[in-house]
Amino acid sequence: MKTKIRIETAIEVLQKNLDEHATELVDATDVWIKDAVAALEKMRDAVDREGVKASGQALWAILAARPEDNRMQYAKFLGMLKRAKDSGEIMIECDEDDYDCIFQDNWSWRVASKARNTSYSSRKL
């Protein structure tokens, strides 16, 4: 099924989703940095004591699991909608998948980043 929605409404929802993501990203990054520093210090201490026996596996795991920044993906869709609005469009046509992404924040890239980022941001005091 396809329906028409107001561009202004879609912009407001996407902006809200972007703002929530940005807050989550800041919190996740703060916690991730603390984890990375702790892993670096542990690696440094292991190298001082054990030399070549020290493993960087924990450090690599943390570096590989850094928080994901989706601001550019949101900006791409917001930019498209704002340009359509500026050109005089009032409505856009969307299907169920578009609706799910815009109004439920259910983008494939967002689902993946939310799982990772929340694992950090939920630990912020």
C-alpha atoms as a PDB file:
ATOM      1  CA  MET A   1       0.000   0.000   0.000  1.00  0.00           C
ATOM      2  CA  LYS A   2       1.182   3.482  -0.770  1.00  0.00           C
ATOM      3  CA  THR A   3       0.084   6.636   0.970  1.00  0.00           C
ATOM      4  CA  LYS A   4       0.915  10.309   0.971  1.00  0.00           C
ATOM      5  CA  ILE A   5       2.409  11.989   3.999  1.00  0.00           C
ATOM      6  CA  ARG A   6       3.241  15.594   4.694  1.00  0.00           C
ATOM      7  CA  ILE A   7       6.899  16.372   4.092  1.00  0.00           C
ATOM      8  CA  GLU A   8       6.971  18.610   7.163  1.00  0.00           C
ATOM      9  CA  THR A   9       5.806  15.719   9.356  1.00  0.00           C
ATOM     10  CA  ALA A  10       8.473  13.386   7.952  1.00  0.00           C
ATOM     11  CA  ILE A  11      11.146  16.064   8.499  1.00  0.00           C
ATOM     12  CA  GLU A  12      10.087  16.564  12.125  1.00  0.00           C
ATOM     13  CA  VAL A  13      10.169  12.821  12.849  1.00  0.00           C
ATOM     14  CA  LEU A  14      13.514  12.300  11.130  1.00  0.00           C
ATOM     15  CA  GLN A  15      15.005  15.269  12.979  1.00  0.00           C
ATOM     16  CA  LYS A  16      13.763  13.840  16.300  1.00  0.00           C
ATOM     17  CA  ASN A  17      15.280  10.453  15.421  1.00  0.00           C
ATOM     18  CA  LEU A  18      18.555  12.123  14.453  1.00  0.00           C
ATOM     19  CA  ASP A  19      18.642  14.080  17.725  1.00  0.00           C
ATOM     20  CA  GLU A  20      18.044  10.893  19.738  1.00  0.00           C
ATOM     21  CA  HIS A  21      20.794   9.113  17.796  1.00  0.00           C
ATOM     22  CA  ALA A  22      23.213  12.002  18.365  1.00  0.00           C
ATOM     23  CA  THR A  23      22.596  11.928  22.134  1.00  0.00           C
ATOM     24  CA  GLU A  24      23.004   8.158  22.217  1.00  0.00           C
ATOM     25  CA  LEU A  25      26.204   8.439  20.149  1.00  0.00           C
ATOM     26  CA  VAL A  26      27.764  10.979  22.520  1.00  0.00           C
ATOM     27  CA  ASP A  27      26.970   8.800  25.539  1.00  0.00           C
ATOM     28  CA  ALA A  28      28.208   5.652  23.786  1.00  0.00           C
ATOM     29  CA  THR A  29      31.404   7.349  22.654  1.00  0.00           C
ATOM     30  CA  ASP A  30      32.151   8.584  26.185  1.00  0.00           C
ATOM     31  CA  VAL A  31      31.864   5.047  27.576  1.00  0.00           C
ATOM     32  CA  TRP A  32      33.738   3.514  24.617  1.00  0.00           C
ATOM     33  CA  ILE A  33      36.644   5.925  25.122  1.00  0.00           C
ATOM     34  CA  LYS A  34      36.906   4.872  28.777  1.00  0.00           C
ATOM     35  CA  ASP A  35      36.878   1.212  27.724  1.00  0.00           C
ATOM     36  CA  ALA A  36      39.522   1.833  25.062  1.00  0.00           C
ATOM     37  CA  VAL A  37      41.769   3.723  27.491  1.00  0.00           C
ATOM     38  CA  ALA A  38      41.436   0.908  30.044  1.00  0.00           C
ATOM     39  CA  ALA A  39      42.330  -1.673  27.374  1.00  0.00           C
ATOM     40  CA  LEU A  40      45.319   0.406  26.273  1.00  0.00           C
ATOM     41  CA  GLU A  41      46.522   0.730  29.855  1.00  0.00           C
ATOM     42  CA  LYS A  42      46.097  -3.011  30.411  1.00  0.00           C
ATOM     43  CA  MET A  43      48.066  -3.711  27.226  1.00  0.00           C
ATOM     44  CA  ARG A  44      50.776  -1.257  28.297  1.00  0.00           C
ATOM     45  CA  ASP A  45      51.048  -2.934  31.712  1.00  0.00           C
ATOM     46  CA  ALA A  46      51.150  -6.403  30.128  1.00  0.00           C
ATOM     47  CA  VAL A  47      53.913  -5.345  27.749  1.00  0.00           C
ATOM     48  CA  ASP A  48      55.924  -3.917  30.642  1.00  0.00           C
ATOM     49  CA  ARG A  49      55.630  -7.180  32.600  1.00  0.00           C
ATOM     50  CA  GLU A  50      55.383  -9.923  30.021  1.00  0.00           C
ATOM     51  CA  GLY A  51      56.909  -8.503  26.874  1.00  0.00           C
ATOM     52  CA  VAL A  52      56.049 -10.529  23.815  1.00  0.00           C
ATOM     53  CA  LYS A  53      53.505 -12.637  25.730  1.00  0.00           C
ATOM     54  CA  ALA A  54      51.125  -9.671  25.935  1.00  0.00           C
ATOM     55  CA  SER A  55      48.018 -10.041  23.789  1.00  0.00           C
ATOM     56  CA  GLY A  56      46.272  -7.163  22.117  1.00  0.00           C
ATOM     57  CA  GLN A  57      43.124  -9.193  21.472  1.00  0.00           C
ATOM     58  CA  ALA A  58      40.978  -7.301  24.001  1.00  0.00           C
ATOM     59  CA  LEU A  59      42.209  -3.989  22.612  1.00  0.00           C
ATOM     60  CA  TRP A  60      41.413  -5.031  19.045  1.00  0.00           C
ATOM     61  CA  ALA A  61      37.942  -6.181  20.106  1.00  0.00           C
ATOM     62  CA  ILE A  62      37.202  -2.766  21.606  1.00  0.00           C
ATOM     63  CA  LEU A  63      38.590  -0.905  18.607  1.00  0.00           C
ATOM     64  CA  ALA A  64      36.471  -3.046  16.256  1.00  0.00           C
ATOM     65  CA  ALA A  65      33.297  -2.425  18.282  1.00  0.00           C
ATOM     66  CA  ARG A  66      33.387   1.354  18.369  1.00  0.00           C
ATOM     67  CA  PRO A  67      30.062   3.228  18.399  1.00  0.00           C
ATOM     68  CA  GLU A  68      28.446   3.733  15.010  1.00  0.00           C
ATOM     69  CA  ASP A  69      27.670   7.209  13.722  1.00  0.00           C
ATOM     70  CA  ASN A  70      24.624   7.371  11.443  1.00  0.00           C
ATOM     71  CA  ARG A  71      24.303  11.151  11.273  1.00  0.00           C
ATOM     72  CA  MET A  72      25.223  11.205   7.574  1.00  0.00           C
ATOM     73  CA  GLN A  73      22.492   8.696   6.710  1.00  0.00           C
ATOM     74  CA  TYR A  74      19.891  10.807   8.508  1.00  0.00           C
ATOM     75  CA  ALA A  75      21.277  13.960   6.865  1.00  0.00           C
ATOM     76  CA  LYS A  76      20.904  12.411   3.419  1.00  0.00           C
ATOM     77  CA  PHE A  77      17.178  11.780   3.881  1.00  0.00           C
ATOM     78  CA  LEU A  78      16.568  15.064   5.689  1.00  0.00           C
ATOM     79  CA  GLY A  79      18.351  16.930   2.899  1.00  0.00           C
ATOM     80  CA  MET A  80      16.241  15.222   0.262  1.00  0.00           C
ATOM     81  CA  LEU A  81      12.990  16.069   2.070  1.00  0.00           C
ATOM     82  CA  LYS A  82      14.036  19.663   2.742  1.00  0.00           C
ATOM     83  CA  ARG A  83      14.933  20.198  -0.908  1.00  0.00           C
ATOM     84  CA  ALA A  84      11.555  18.769  -1.957  1.00  0.00           C
ATOM     85  CA  LYS A  85       9.843  21.098   0.517  1.00  0.00           C
ATOM     86  CA  ASP A  86      11.874  24.086  -0.718  1.00  0.00           C
ATOM     87  CA  SER A  87      10.797  23.303  -4.287  1.00  0.00           C
ATOM     88  CA  GLY A  88       7.146  23.587  -3.269  1.00  0.00           C
ATOM     89  CA  GLU A  89       6.256  19.981  -2.561  1.00  0.00           C
ATOM     90  CA  ILE A  90       3.916  19.467   0.379  1.00  0.00           C
ATOM     91  CA  MET A  91       3.405  15.698   0.281  1.00  0.00           C
ATOM     92  CA  ILE A  92       5.523  12.666  -0.531  1.00  0.00           C
ATOM     93  CA  GLU A  93       4.358   9.217  -1.448  1.00  0.00           C
ATOM     94  CA  CYS A  94       5.625   6.362   0.681  1.00  0.00           C
ATOM     95  CA  ASP A  95       4.967   2.680   1.080  1.00  0.00           C
ATOM     96  CA  GLU A  96       4.998   0.520   4.224  1.00  0.00           C
ATOM     97  CA  ASP A  97       8.780   0.121   4.150  1.00  0.00           C
ATOM     98  CA  ASP A  98       9.365   3.865   3.799  1.00  0.00           C
ATOM     99  CA  TYR A  99       6.900   4.514   6.617  1.00  0.00           C
ATOM    100  CA  ASP A 100       8.612   1.934   8.840  1.00  0.00           C
ATOM    101  CA  CYS A 101      11.990   3.543   8.269  1.00  0.00           C
ATOM    102  CA  ILE A 102      10.901   7.149   8.709  1.00  0.00           C
ATOM    103  CA  PHE A 103       8.356   6.850  11.505  1.00  0.00           C
ATOM    104  CA  GLN A 104       9.588   3.771  13.368  1.00  0.00           C
ATOM    105  CA  ASP A 105      13.304   4.558  12.864  1.00  0.00           C
ATOM    106  CA  ASN A 106      13.645   1.047  11.511  1.00  0.00           C
ATOM    107  CA  TRP A 107      16.442   1.543   8.974  1.00  0.00           C
ATOM    108  CA  SER A 108      18.769  -1.438   8.595  1.00  0.00           C
ATOM    109  CA  TRP A 109      21.780   0.738   9.486  1.00  0.00           C
ATOM    110  CA  ARG A 110      19.970   2.157  12.509  1.00  0.00           C
ATOM    111  CA  VAL A 111      18.945  -1.219  13.886  1.00  0.00           C
ATOM    112  CA  ALA A 112      22.580  -2.369  13.774  1.00  0.00           C
ATOM    113  CA  SER A 113      23.978   0.815  15.319  1.00  0.00           C
ATOM    114  CA  LYS A 114      21.348   0.976  18.042  1.00  0.00           C
ATOM    115  CA  ALA A 115      22.293  -2.484  19.321  1.00  0.00           C
ATOM    116  CA  ARG A 116      25.977  -1.552  19.496  1.00  0.00           C
ATOM    117  CA  ASN A 117      25.598   2.015  20.753  1.00  0.00           C
ATOM    118  CA  THR A 118      23.058   1.119  23.429  1.00  0.00           C
ATOM    119  CA  SER A 119      25.444  -1.458  24.844  1.00  0.00           C
ATOM    120  CA  TYR A 120      27.739   1.476  25.662  1.00  0.00           C
ATOM    121  CA  SER A 121      25.298   4.332  26.303  1.00  0.00           C
ATOM    122  CA  SER A 122      23.274   2.295  28.783  1.00  0.00           C
ATOM    123  CA  ARG A 123      26.429   2.053  30.951  1.00  0.00           C
ATOM    124  CA  LYS A 124      26.974   5.825  31.135  1.00  0.00           C
ATOM    125  CA  LEU A 125      26.438   7.143  34.643  1.00  0.00           C
END
